[in-house]
C-alpha atoms as a PDB file:
ATOM      1  CA  MET A   1      65.862 -24.040 -43.709  1.00  0.00           C
ATOM      2  CA  ALA A   2      65.241 -20.997 -41.524  1.00  0.00           C
ATOM      3  CA  GLY A   3      63.334 -19.062 -44.232  1.00  0.00           C
ATOM      4  CA  GLU A   4      60.820 -21.822 -44.994  1.00  0.00           C
ATOM      5  CA  THR A   5      57.286 -21.790 -43.632  1.00  0.00           C
ATOM      6  CA  PRO A   6      56.502 -24.791 -41.431  1.00  0.00           C
ATOM      7  CA  SER A   7      54.243 -27.318 -43.095  1.00  0.00           C
ATOM      8  CA  GLY A   8      52.030 -30.062 -41.823  1.00  0.00           C
ATOM      9  CA  PRO A   9      49.971 -29.894 -38.633  1.00  0.00           C
ATOM     10  CA  ALA A  10      52.432 -27.530 -37.011  1.00  0.00           C
ATOM     11  CA  GLY A  11      52.146 -25.104 -39.931  1.00  0.00           C
ATOM     12  CA  ASP A  12      48.358 -24.890 -39.777  1.00  0.00           C
ATOM     13  CA  THR A  13      48.316 -22.938 -36.521  1.00  0.00           C
ATOM     14  CA  GLY A  14      46.549 -19.996 -38.242  1.00  0.00           C
ATOM     15  CA  GLU A  15      43.653 -22.228 -39.268  1.00  0.00           C
ATOM     16  CA  LEU A  16      43.453 -23.877 -35.838  1.00  0.00           C
ATOM     17  CA  LYS A  17      43.173 -20.530 -34.052  1.00  0.00           C
ATOM     18  CA  ARG A  18      40.112 -19.443 -36.055  1.00  0.00           C
ATOM     19  CA  GLY A  19      36.863 -19.317 -34.137  1.00  0.00           C
ATOM     20  CA  PRO A  20      33.403 -20.389 -35.412  1.00  0.00           C
ATOM     21  CA  PHE A  21      32.566 -16.919 -36.719  1.00  0.00           C
ATOM     22  CA  GLU A  22      35.854 -16.597 -38.612  1.00  0.00           C
ATOM     23  CA  ARG A  23      35.369 -19.999 -40.170  1.00  0.00           C
ATOM     24  CA  TRP A  24      31.809 -19.057 -41.219  1.00  0.00           C
ATOM     25  CA  VAL A  25      33.085 -15.830 -42.801  1.00  0.00           C
ATOM     26  CA  ASP A  26      35.764 -17.756 -44.670  1.00  0.00           C
ATOM     27  CA  ARG A  27      33.190 -20.215 -46.019  1.00  0.00           C
ATOM     28  CA  ALA A  28      30.873 -17.329 -46.943  1.00  0.00           C
ATOM     29  CA  ILE A  29      33.631 -15.673 -48.966  1.00  0.00           C
ATOM     30  CA  LYS A  30      34.336 -18.896 -50.790  1.00  0.00           C
ATOM     31  CA  ASN A  31      30.640 -19.705 -51.288  1.00  0.00           C
ATOM     32  CA  PRO A  32      28.520 -16.466 -51.378  1.00  0.00           C
ATOM     33  CA  GLU A  33      25.298 -18.351 -52.144  1.00  0.00           C
ATOM     34  CA  ARG A  34      25.526 -20.015 -48.751  1.00  0.00           C
ATOM     35  CA  ALA A  35      25.706 -16.605 -47.052  1.00  0.00           C
ATOM     36  CA  TYR A  36      22.734 -15.312 -49.066  1.00  0.00           C
ATOM     37  CA  ARG A  37      20.753 -18.411 -48.131  1.00  0.00           C
ATOM     38  CA  ALA A  38      21.564 -17.949 -44.447  1.00  0.00           C
ATOM     39  CA  MET A  39      20.518 -14.293 -44.547  1.00  0.00           C
ATOM     40  CA  PHE A  40      17.298 -15.277 -46.310  1.00  0.00           C
ATOM     41  CA  TYR A  41      16.452 -17.773 -43.568  1.00  0.00           C
ATOM     42  CA  VAL A  42      17.206 -15.234 -40.832  1.00  0.00           C
ATOM     43  CA  VAL A  43      15.051 -12.510 -42.426  1.00  0.00           C
ATOM     44  CA  THR A  44      12.227 -14.978 -43.140  1.00  0.00           C
ATOM     45  CA  ALA A  45      12.261 -16.292 -39.571  1.00  0.00           C
ATOM     46  CA  PHE A  46      12.207 -12.753 -38.192  1.00  0.00           C
ATOM     47  CA  PHE A  47       9.324 -11.775 -40.491  1.00  0.00           C
ATOM     48  CA  LEU A  48       7.280 -14.860 -39.639  1.00  0.00           C
ATOM     49  CA  PHE A  49       7.832 -14.363 -35.914  1.00  0.00           C
ATOM     50  CA  THR A  50       6.847 -10.690 -35.906  1.00  0.00           C
ATOM     51  CA  THR A  51       3.754 -11.268 -38.070  1.00  0.00           C
ATOM     52  CA  LEU A  52       2.469 -14.630 -36.859  1.00  0.00           C
ATOM     53  CA  PHE A  53       3.168 -14.304 -33.141  1.00  0.00           C
ATOM     54  CA  PRO A  54       0.364 -11.722 -32.593  1.00  0.00           C
ATOM     55  CA  PHE A  55      -2.107 -14.189 -34.125  1.00  0.00           C
ATOM     56  CA  TYR A  56      -0.785 -16.964 -31.912  1.00  0.00           C
ATOM     57  CA  TRP A  57      -1.165 -14.682 -28.879  1.00  0.00           C
ATOM     58  CA  LEU A  58      -4.749 -13.908 -29.909  1.00  0.00           C
ATOM     59  CA  LEU A  59      -5.416 -17.649 -30.054  1.00  0.00           C
ATOM     60  CA  VAL A  60      -3.921 -18.116 -26.568  1.00  0.00           C
ATOM     61  CA  LEU A  61      -6.123 -15.349 -25.171  1.00  0.00           C
ATOM     62  CA  ALA A  62      -9.185 -16.687 -26.966  1.00  0.00           C
ATOM     63  CA  VAL A  63      -9.052 -20.270 -25.722  1.00  0.00           C
ATOM     64  CA  THR A  64      -7.988 -19.349 -22.177  1.00  0.00           C
ATOM     65  CA  PRO A  65     -10.988 -19.079 -19.802  1.00  0.00           C
ATOM     66  CA  GLU A  66     -11.754 -15.514 -18.761  1.00  0.00           C
ATOM     67  CA  ALA A  67     -11.068 -16.197 -15.079  1.00  0.00           C
ATOM     68  CA  ARG A  68      -7.554 -17.508 -15.839  1.00  0.00           C
ATOM     69  CA  LEU A  69      -6.409 -14.929 -18.391  1.00  0.00           C
ATOM     70  CA  TYR A  70      -3.745 -13.489 -16.094  1.00  0.00           C
ATOM     71  CA  GLN A  71      -2.230 -16.956 -15.715  1.00  0.00           C
ATOM     72  CA  ALA A  72      -1.721 -17.395 -19.449  1.00  0.00           C
ATOM     73  CA  GLY A  73       1.824 -17.441 -20.799  1.00  0.00           C
ATOM     74  CA  LEU A  74       3.169 -18.792 -24.038  1.00  0.00           C
ATOM     75  CA  LEU A  75       0.686 -21.632 -23.590  1.00  0.00           C
ATOM     76  CA  PRO A  76      -3.027 -21.240 -22.750  1.00  0.00           C
ATOM     77  CA  ALA A  77      -4.042 -21.570 -19.106  1.00  0.00           C
ATOM     78  CA  GLY A  78      -6.906 -23.886 -19.977  1.00  0.00           C
ATOM     79  CA  PHE A  79      -8.964 -24.590 -23.063  1.00  0.00           C
ATOM     80  CA  ASN A  80     -12.346 -23.042 -23.812  1.00  0.00           C
ATOM     81  CA  PRO A  81     -13.361 -23.462 -27.488  1.00  0.00           C
ATOM     82  CA  ASP A  82     -16.909 -22.315 -26.702  1.00  0.00           C
ATOM     83  CA  VAL A  83     -15.657 -18.728 -26.818  1.00  0.00           C
ATOM     84  CA  PHE A  84     -15.934 -18.781 -30.618  1.00  0.00           C
ATOM     85  CA  VAL A  85     -19.632 -19.580 -30.251  1.00  0.00           C
ATOM     86  CA  SER A  86     -20.009 -16.770 -27.701  1.00  0.00           C
ATOM     87  CA  VAL A  87     -18.844 -14.275 -30.320  1.00  0.00           C
ATOM     88  CA  PHE A  88     -22.021 -14.889 -32.310  1.00  0.00           C
ATOM     89  CA  GLN A  89     -24.219 -15.229 -29.235  1.00  0.00           C
ATOM     90  CA  GLN A  90     -23.355 -11.860 -27.707  1.00  0.00           C
ATOM     91  CA  LEU A  91     -23.626  -9.935 -30.985  1.00  0.00           C
ATOM     92  CA  PRO A  92     -24.892 -10.531 -34.534  1.00  0.00           C
ATOM     93  CA  PHE A  93     -21.247 -10.840 -35.524  1.00  0.00           C
ATOM     94  CA  HIS A  94     -22.144 -12.502 -38.816  1.00  0.00           C
ATOM     95  CA  VAL A  95     -23.980  -9.312 -39.823  1.00  0.00           C
ATOM     96  CA  TYR A  96     -20.842  -7.236 -39.228  1.00  0.00           C
ATOM     97  CA  MET A  97     -18.834  -9.679 -41.347  1.00  0.00           C
ATOM     98  CA  PHE A  98     -21.454  -9.557 -44.087  1.00  0.00           C
ATOM     99  CA  ASN A  99     -21.356  -5.753 -44.050  1.00  0.00           C
ATOM    100  CA  SER A 100     -17.576  -5.731 -44.421  1.00  0.00           C
ATOM    101  CA  LEU A 101     -17.657  -8.262 -47.242  1.00  0.00           C
ATOM    102  CA  VAL A 102     -20.302  -6.255 -49.113  1.00  0.00           C
ATOM    103  CA  LEU A 103     -18.481  -2.954 -48.622  1.00  0.00           C
ATOM    104  CA  ALA A 104     -15.178  -4.469 -49.742  1.00  0.00           C
ATOM    105  CA  THR A 105     -16.742  -6.177 -52.767  1.00  0.00           C
ATOM    106  CA  VAL A 106     -18.630  -3.099 -53.977  1.00  0.00           C
ATOM    107  CA  THR A 107     -15.587  -0.877 -53.482  1.00  0.00           C
ATOM    108  CA  THR A 108     -13.377  -3.347 -55.358  1.00  0.00           C
ATOM    109  CA  ILE A 109     -15.771  -3.420 -58.314  1.00  0.00           C
ATOM    110  CA  ILE A 110     -15.915   0.390 -58.460  1.00  0.00           C
ATOM    111  CA  VAL A 111     -12.143   0.723 -58.160  1.00  0.00           C
ATOM    112  CA  LEU A 112     -11.426  -1.895 -60.838  1.00  0.00           C
ATOM    113  CA  LEU A 113     -13.917  -0.348 -63.260  1.00  0.00           C
ATOM    114  CA  LEU A 114     -12.643   3.229 -62.906  1.00  0.00           C
ATOM    115  CA  ALA A 115      -8.988   2.221 -62.560  1.00  0.00           C
ATOM    116  CA  SER A 116      -9.269   0.132 -65.752  1.00  0.00           C
ATOM    117  CA  LEU A 117     -10.487   3.146 -67.690  1.00  0.00           C
ATOM    118  CA  ALA A 118      -7.754   5.344 -66.238  1.00  0.00           C
ATOM    119  CA  GLY A 119      -5.126   2.646 -66.700  1.00  0.00           C
ATOM    120  CA  TYR A 120      -6.088   2.306 -70.363  1.00  0.00           C
ATOM    121  CA  VAL A 121      -5.709   6.047 -70.906  1.00  0.00           C
ATOM    122  CA  PHE A 122      -2.375   6.306 -69.093  1.00  0.00           C
ATOM    123  CA  GLY A 123      -0.958   3.057 -70.432  1.00  0.00           C
ATOM    124  CA  ARG A 124      -1.994   3.110 -74.091  1.00  0.00           C
ATOM    125  CA  LEU A 125      -2.655   6.723 -75.089  1.00  0.00           C
ATOM    126  CA  GLU A 126      -0.333   9.697 -75.483  1.00  0.00           C
ATOM    127  CA  PHE A 127      -1.460  13.161 -74.426  1.00  0.00           C
ATOM    128  CA  PRO A 128       0.204  16.292 -72.998  1.00  0.00           C
ATOM    129  CA  GLY A 129       0.823  16.300 -69.254  1.00  0.00           C
ATOM    130  CA  LYS A 130       0.354  12.553 -68.814  1.00  0.00           C
ATOM    131  CA  GLY A 131       3.310  12.176 -66.462  1.00  0.00           C
ATOM    132  CA  ILE A 132       2.326  15.142 -64.304  1.00  0.00           C
ATOM    133  CA  LEU A 133      -1.259  13.924 -64.057  1.00  0.00           C
ATOM    134  CA  MET A 134      -0.097  10.442 -63.044  1.00  0.00           C
ATOM    135  CA  LEU A 135       2.096  11.945 -60.316  1.00  0.00           C
ATOM    136  CA  ALA A 136      -0.854  14.007 -59.092  1.00  0.00           C
ATOM    137  CA  ILE A 137      -3.020  10.880 -58.840  1.00  0.00           C
ATOM    138  CA  LEU A 138      -0.330   8.934 -56.997  1.00  0.00           C
ATOM    139  CA  ALA A 139       0.184  11.865 -54.620  1.00  0.00           C
ATOM    140  CA  ILE A 140      -3.310  11.248 -53.247  1.00  0.00           C
ATOM    141  CA  SER A 141      -2.151   7.963 -51.752  1.00  0.00           C
ATOM    142  CA  TYR A 142       0.477   9.793 -49.680  1.00  0.00           C
ATOM    143  CA  PHE A 143      -2.080  11.899 -47.817  1.00  0.00           C
ATOM    144  CA  PRO A 144      -3.263  10.481 -44.480  1.00  0.00           C
ATOM    145  CA  PRO A 145      -6.976   9.644 -44.380  1.00  0.00           C
ATOM    146  CA  ALA A 146      -7.427  12.069 -41.485  1.00  0.00           C
ATOM    147  CA  ALA A 147      -6.715  14.960 -43.868  1.00  0.00           C
ATOM    148  CA  PHE A 148      -9.978  14.265 -45.715  1.00  0.00           C
ATOM    149  CA  PHE A 149     -12.188  13.621 -42.720  1.00  0.00           C
ATOM    150  CA  LEU A 150     -13.452  17.131 -41.868  1.00  0.00           C
ATOM    151  CA  PRO A 151     -14.577  18.111 -45.393  1.00  0.00           C
ATOM    152  CA  LEU A 152     -16.122  14.678 -45.944  1.00  0.00           C
ATOM    153  CA  TRP A 153     -17.872  14.883 -42.573  1.00  0.00           C
ATOM    154  CA  GLN A 154     -19.368  18.241 -43.530  1.00  0.00           C
ATOM    155  CA  LEU A 155     -20.375  16.898 -46.940  1.00  0.00           C
ATOM    156  CA  PHE A 156     -21.928  13.639 -45.762  1.00  0.00           C
ATOM    157  CA  ASN A 157     -23.962  15.342 -43.025  1.00  0.00           C
ATOM    158  CA  GLY A 158     -25.645  17.805 -45.391  1.00  0.00           C
ATOM    159  CA  ASN A 159     -23.730  20.885 -44.245  1.00  0.00           C
ATOM    160  CA  ILE A 160     -22.341  21.595 -47.721  1.00  0.00           C
ATOM    161  CA  VAL A 161     -25.037  20.131 -49.971  1.00  0.00           C
ATOM    162  CA  PRO A 162     -28.450  20.417 -48.278  1.00  0.00           C
ATOM    163  CA  GLY A 163     -30.312  17.131 -48.235  1.00  0.00           C
ATOM    164  CA  LEU A 164     -27.191  15.006 -48.788  1.00  0.00           C
ATOM    165  CA  ASN A 165     -27.020  12.959 -45.594  1.00  0.00           C
ATOM    166  CA  LEU A 166     -24.897   9.835 -46.022  1.00  0.00           C
ATOM    167  CA  TYR A 167     -23.917   9.262 -42.396  1.00  0.00           C
ATOM    168  CA  ASN A 168     -24.755   5.697 -41.312  1.00  0.00           C
ATOM    169  CA  THR A 169     -25.046   4.612 -44.946  1.00  0.00           C
ATOM    170  CA  PRO A 170     -22.709   2.530 -47.126  1.00  0.00           C
ATOM    171  CA  GLY A 171     -21.976   5.569 -49.277  1.00  0.00           C
ATOM    172  CA  ALA A 172     -20.172   7.319 -46.415  1.00  0.00           C
ATOM    173  CA  MET A 173     -17.598   4.527 -46.475  1.00  0.00           C
ATOM    174  CA  ILE A 174     -17.553   3.332 -50.093  1.00  0.00           C
ATOM    175  CA  LEU A 175     -16.839   6.797 -51.535  1.00  0.00           C
ATOM    176  CA  PRO A 176     -13.754   7.501 -49.339  1.00  0.00           C
ATOM    177  CA  PHE A 177     -12.540   3.918 -49.761  1.00  0.00           C
ATOM    178  CA  SER A 178     -12.751   4.161 -53.549  1.00  0.00           C
ATOM    179  CA  SER A 179     -10.867   7.454 -53.624  1.00  0.00           C
ATOM    180  CA  LEU A 180      -8.108   6.360 -51.264  1.00  0.00           C
ATOM    181  CA  PHE A 181      -7.382   2.951 -52.774  1.00  0.00           C
ATOM    182  CA  MET A 182      -7.801   3.806 -56.453  1.00  0.00           C
ATOM    183  CA  PRO A 183      -4.345   5.377 -57.121  1.00  0.00           C
ATOM    184  CA  LEU A 184      -2.508   2.106 -56.457  1.00  0.00           C
ATOM    185  CA  SER A 185      -4.862   0.192 -58.756  1.00  0.00           C
ATOM    186  CA  ILE A 186      -4.419   2.808 -61.484  1.00  0.00           C
ATOM    187  CA  PHE A 187      -0.643   2.460 -61.220  1.00  0.00           C
ATOM    188  CA  ILE A 188      -0.748  -1.343 -61.355  1.00  0.00           C
ATOM    189  CA  LEU A 189      -3.175  -1.499 -64.291  1.00  0.00           C
ATOM    190  CA  THR A 190      -1.323   1.226 -66.201  1.00  0.00           C
ATOM    191  CA  THR A 191       1.824  -0.890 -66.043  1.00  0.00           C
ATOM    192  CA  PHE A 192       0.040  -3.998 -67.283  1.00  0.00           C
ATOM    193  CA  TYR A 193      -2.065  -2.361 -69.965  1.00  0.00           C
ATOM    194  CA  GLY A 194       0.995  -0.616 -71.374  1.00  0.00           C
ATOM    195  CA  GLN A 195       2.675  -3.992 -71.998  1.00  0.00           C
ATOM    196  CA  ILE A 196      -0.058  -5.367 -74.266  1.00  0.00           C
ATOM    197  CA  PRO A 197       1.104  -5.281 -77.928  1.00  0.00           C
ATOM    198  CA  ASP A 198      -0.692  -2.702 -80.035  1.00  0.00           C
ATOM    199  CA  GLY A 199      -1.304  -5.291 -82.742  1.00  0.00           C
ATOM    200  CA  LEU A 200      -3.773  -7.217 -80.574  1.00  0.00           C
ATOM    201  CA  GLU A 201      -5.880  -4.144 -79.902  1.00  0.00           C
ATOM    202  CA  ASP A 202      -5.655  -3.072 -83.562  1.00  0.00           C
ATOM    203  CA  ALA A 203      -6.873  -6.504 -84.659  1.00  0.00           C
ATOM    204  CA  ALA A 204      -9.855  -6.215 -82.329  1.00  0.00           C
ATOM    205  CA  ARG A 205     -10.689  -2.763 -83.622  1.00  0.00           C
ATOM    206  CA  VAL A 206     -10.436  -3.943 -87.243  1.00  0.00           C
ATOM    207  CA  GLU A 207     -13.142  -6.464 -86.382  1.00  0.00           C
ATOM    208  CA  GLY A 208     -15.395  -3.535 -85.472  1.00  0.00           C
ATOM    209  CA  THR A 209     -15.063  -3.272 -81.686  1.00  0.00           C
ATOM    210  CA  THR A 210     -14.650   0.067 -79.934  1.00  0.00           C
ATOM    211  CA  ARG A 211     -11.882   1.092 -77.556  1.00  0.00           C
ATOM    212  CA  LEU A 212     -14.045   0.081 -74.600  1.00  0.00           C
ATOM    213  CA  GLY A 213     -14.785  -3.236 -76.263  1.00  0.00           C
ATOM    214  CA  ALA A 214     -11.078  -3.829 -76.833  1.00  0.00           C
ATOM    215  CA  LEU A 215     -10.386  -2.928 -73.210  1.00  0.00           C
ATOM    216  CA  PHE A 216     -12.878  -5.383 -71.725  1.00  0.00           C
ATOM    217  CA  ARG A 217     -12.536  -8.146 -74.331  1.00  0.00           C
ATOM    218  CA  VAL A 218      -8.811  -8.128 -75.091  1.00  0.00           C
ATOM    219  CA  ILE A 219      -6.689  -6.021 -72.760  1.00  0.00           C
ATOM    220  CA  MET A 220      -8.239  -6.930 -69.418  1.00  0.00           C
ATOM    221  CA  PRO A 221      -8.258 -10.721 -70.061  1.00  0.00           C
ATOM    222  CA  LEU A 222      -4.611 -10.567 -71.135  1.00  0.00           C
ATOM    223  CA  SER A 223      -3.810  -8.547 -68.006  1.00  0.00           C
ATOM    224  CA  ALA A 224      -5.601 -10.932 -65.645  1.00  0.00           C
ATOM    225  CA  PRO A 225      -2.711 -11.156 -63.104  1.00  0.00           C
ATOM    226  CA  GLY A 226      -2.620  -7.372 -62.784  1.00  0.00           C
ATOM    227  CA  VAL A 227      -6.399  -7.069 -62.480  1.00  0.00           C
ATOM    228  CA  ALA A 228      -6.449  -9.823 -59.858  1.00  0.00           C
ATOM    229  CA  THR A 229      -3.613  -8.179 -57.938  1.00  0.00           C
ATOM    230  CA  ALA A 230      -5.322  -4.779 -57.889  1.00  0.00           C
ATOM    231  CA  GLY A 231      -8.632  -6.360 -56.887  1.00  0.00           C
ATOM    232  CA  VAL A 232      -7.230  -8.483 -54.064  1.00  0.00           C
ATOM    233  CA  LEU A 233      -5.133  -5.653 -52.618  1.00  0.00           C
ATOM    234  CA  THR A 234      -8.123  -3.303 -52.723  1.00  0.00           C
ATOM    235  CA  PHE A 235     -10.427  -5.868 -51.114  1.00  0.00           C
ATOM    236  CA  ILE A 236      -7.988  -6.549 -48.273  1.00  0.00           C
ATOM    237  CA  ALA A 237      -7.339  -2.839 -47.678  1.00  0.00           C
ATOM    238  CA  VAL A 238     -11.062  -2.026 -47.511  1.00  0.00           C
ATOM    239  CA  TYR A 239     -11.864  -5.016 -45.300  1.00  0.00           C
ATOM    240  CA  ASN A 240      -9.157  -3.969 -42.818  1.00  0.00           C
ATOM    241  CA  GLU A 241      -9.844  -0.213 -42.952  1.00  0.00           C
ATOM    242  CA  PHE A 242     -10.468   1.349 -39.565  1.00  0.00           C
ATOM    243  CA  PHE A 243     -10.557   5.159 -39.751  1.00  0.00           C
ATOM    244  CA  PHE A 244     -13.632   5.876 -41.898  1.00  0.00           C
ATOM    245  CA  SER A 245     -15.248   2.586 -40.845  1.00  0.00           C
ATOM    246  CA  PHE A 246     -15.251   3.792 -37.255  1.00  0.00           C
ATOM    247  CA  LEU A 247     -16.173   7.452 -37.789  1.00  0.00           C
ATOM    248  CA  MET A 248     -18.799   7.280 -40.526  1.00  0.00           C
ATOM    249  CA  ASN A 249     -21.357   5.196 -38.603  1.00  0.00           C
ATOM    250  CA  ASP A 250     -22.503   4.574 -35.052  1.00  0.00           C
ATOM    251  CA  GLY A 251     -21.279   0.971 -34.910  1.00  0.00           C
ATOM    252  CA  GLN A 252     -24.691  -0.668 -35.237  1.00  0.00           C
ATOM    253  CA  PRO A 253     -25.070  -3.590 -37.651  1.00  0.00           C
ATOM    254  CA  ASP A 254     -28.284  -2.211 -39.118  1.00  0.00           C
ATOM    255  CA  ASN A 255     -26.360   0.901 -40.207  1.00  0.00           C
ATOM    256  CA  TRP A 256     -23.813  -1.090 -42.222  1.00  0.00           C
ATOM    257  CA  ALA A 257     -21.162  -0.999 -39.526  1.00  0.00           C
ATOM    258  CA  PRO A 258     -18.221  -3.168 -40.698  1.00  0.00           C
ATOM    259  CA  ILE A 259     -16.266  -5.776 -38.805  1.00  0.00           C
ATOM    260  CA  VAL A 260     -14.312  -3.121 -36.900  1.00  0.00           C
ATOM    261  CA  GLY A 261     -17.535  -1.964 -35.256  1.00  0.00           C
ATOM    262  CA  GLY A 262     -18.377  -5.529 -34.283  1.00  0.00           C
ATOM    263  CA  ILE A 263     -15.025  -6.100 -32.600  1.00  0.00           C
ATOM    264  CA  LEU A 264     -15.356  -2.837 -30.657  1.00  0.00           C
ATOM    265  CA  GLN A 265     -18.897  -3.725 -29.622  1.00  0.00           C
ATOM    266  CA  LEU A 266     -17.624  -6.997 -28.137  1.00  0.00           C
ATOM    267  CA  LYS A 267     -15.792  -4.956 -25.516  1.00  0.00           C
ATOM    268  CA  THR A 268     -19.072  -3.886 -23.956  1.00  0.00           C
ATOM    269  CA  ALA A 269     -21.019  -7.041 -24.766  1.00  0.00           C
ATOM    270  CA  GLY A 270     -20.284  -8.527 -21.354  1.00  0.00           C
ATOM    271  CA  GLN A 271     -22.477  -7.328 -18.506  1.00  0.00           C
ATOM    272  CA  PHE A 272     -19.964  -6.697 -15.720  1.00  0.00           C
ATOM    273  CA  GLU A 273     -16.497  -7.561 -17.063  1.00  0.00           C
ATOM    274  CA  SER A 274     -14.256  -6.934 -20.033  1.00  0.00           C
ATOM    275  CA  THR A 275     -14.540  -9.911 -22.350  1.00  0.00           C
ATOM    276  CA  PHE A 276     -10.941 -10.062 -23.556  1.00  0.00           C
ATOM    277  CA  SER A 277     -11.280 -13.710 -24.588  1.00  0.00           C
ATOM    278  CA  VAL A 278     -14.360 -12.960 -26.667  1.00  0.00           C
ATOM    279  CA  MET A 279     -12.659  -9.981 -28.289  1.00  0.00           C
ATOM    280  CA  ALA A 280      -9.634 -12.116 -29.166  1.00  0.00           C
ATOM    281  CA  ALA A 281     -11.893 -14.807 -30.608  1.00  0.00           C
ATOM    282  CA  GLY A 282     -13.792 -12.194 -32.604  1.00  0.00           C
ATOM    283  CA  SER A 283     -10.527 -10.846 -34.017  1.00  0.00           C
ATOM    284  CA  ILE A 284      -9.522 -14.329 -35.155  1.00  0.00           C
ATOM    285  CA  VAL A 285     -12.905 -14.925 -36.782  1.00  0.00           C
ATOM    286  CA  ALA A 286     -12.688 -11.541 -38.507  1.00  0.00           C
ATOM    287  CA  VAL A 287      -9.278 -12.357 -39.990  1.00  0.00           C
ATOM    288  CA  LEU A 288     -10.359 -15.712 -41.454  1.00  0.00           C
ATOM    289  CA  PRO A 289     -11.986 -14.400 -44.699  1.00  0.00           C
ATOM    290  CA  VAL A 290      -8.932 -12.318 -45.572  1.00  0.00           C
ATOM    291  CA  ALA A 291      -6.577 -15.173 -44.676  1.00  0.00           C
ATOM    292  CA  VAL A 292      -8.479 -17.552 -46.950  1.00  0.00           C
ATOM    293  CA  LEU A 293      -8.439 -14.979 -49.757  1.00  0.00           C
ATOM    294  CA  VAL A 294      -4.682 -14.483 -49.442  1.00  0.00           C
ATOM    295  CA  VAL A 295      -4.021 -18.233 -49.464  1.00  0.00           C
ATOM    296  CA  VAL A 296      -6.183 -18.723 -52.547  1.00  0.00           C
ATOM    297  CA  ALA A 297      -4.891 -15.685 -54.460  1.00  0.00           C
ATOM    298  CA  GLN A 298      -1.256 -15.620 -53.339  1.00  0.00           C
ATOM    299  CA  GLU A 299       0.030 -16.924 -56.676  1.00  0.00           C
ATOM    300  CA  LYS A 300      -1.908 -14.246 -58.572  1.00  0.00           C
ATOM    301  CA  ILE A 301      -0.620 -11.536 -56.247  1.00  0.00           C
ATOM    302  CA  VAL A 302       3.014 -12.626 -56.563  1.00  0.00           C
ATOM    303  CA  SER A 303       2.851 -13.107 -60.342  1.00  0.00           C
ATOM    304  CA  GLY A 304       1.014  -9.819 -60.751  1.00  0.00           C
ATOM    305  CA  LEU A 305       3.533  -7.815 -58.744  1.00  0.00           C
ATOM    306  CA  THR A 306       6.578  -9.431 -60.354  1.00  0.00           C
ATOM    307  CA  SER A 307       5.184  -9.298 -63.876  1.00  0.00           C
ATOM    308  CA  GLY A 308       4.282  -5.658 -63.475  1.00  0.00           C
ATOM    309  CA  ALA A 309       7.849  -4.881 -62.479  1.00  0.00           C
ATOM    310  CA  LEU A 310       9.216  -6.040 -65.837  1.00  0.00           C
ATOM    311  CA  LYS A 311       8.595  -4.400 -69.160  1.00  0.00           C
ATOM    312  CA  GLU A 312       9.108  -6.563 -72.185  1.00  0.00           C
END
């Protein structure tokens, strides 16, 4: 009949005219999980490319001989693994790495100790103005480090307090690091400590322990993912810090210059040429401790961040 829609192959002309994109949209509407999975793969691939490609390019520059650097493309123009040995021959690069590890470790211990005390107060005690005070602490993390440089420079060079000269000492870096990276740790630990049931702390206090004893013997062990997350994030941030690490010392290893100073010193380590290959190799060596730490502690970081986002 004239009013009937054609059936069979001739009636499927609408489906046959659809292009690849239209067909993908139709399948995505019918199966949304497939679309979400595709978007996840696209975002993941983009993230991996933008984050890992700079490291790959550093590796290409490092292993390419200095005389053939301008011939390097996506693949190295040669292979010179001895450049990683040259990093330690031109400078005491291991001393710079040791300085950074010590500074990051000491700062992490200080931050975890003070942030645990503050997190206990904010997470488990009630007092007037708690919310406003927490906002004031978190506001510190929004200030750029450059805003604190001039007063700290005057303070650490004895211009404010006579006799207090911390320039070229670990204190000139540890004190700013601790202040800048503590707000995030306080926020993380406050969230975790507030989730611990009051009955567990009360049971510990019935046994005769103090609030500090309950904090270190009960609350912190039960909040291990949060403590580990705050510690790892602080360690990585301090190890990678550039601003105060560069300005609070003269870049010499004997004056506790961190890894940033070592990488900058490699630029002038060569006698008559810029050692771009050595600098690239030094950057790769400098990243290795943090990369190993992230690989080892990635489960703690993920569980700590996701657990802290939920309140049971």
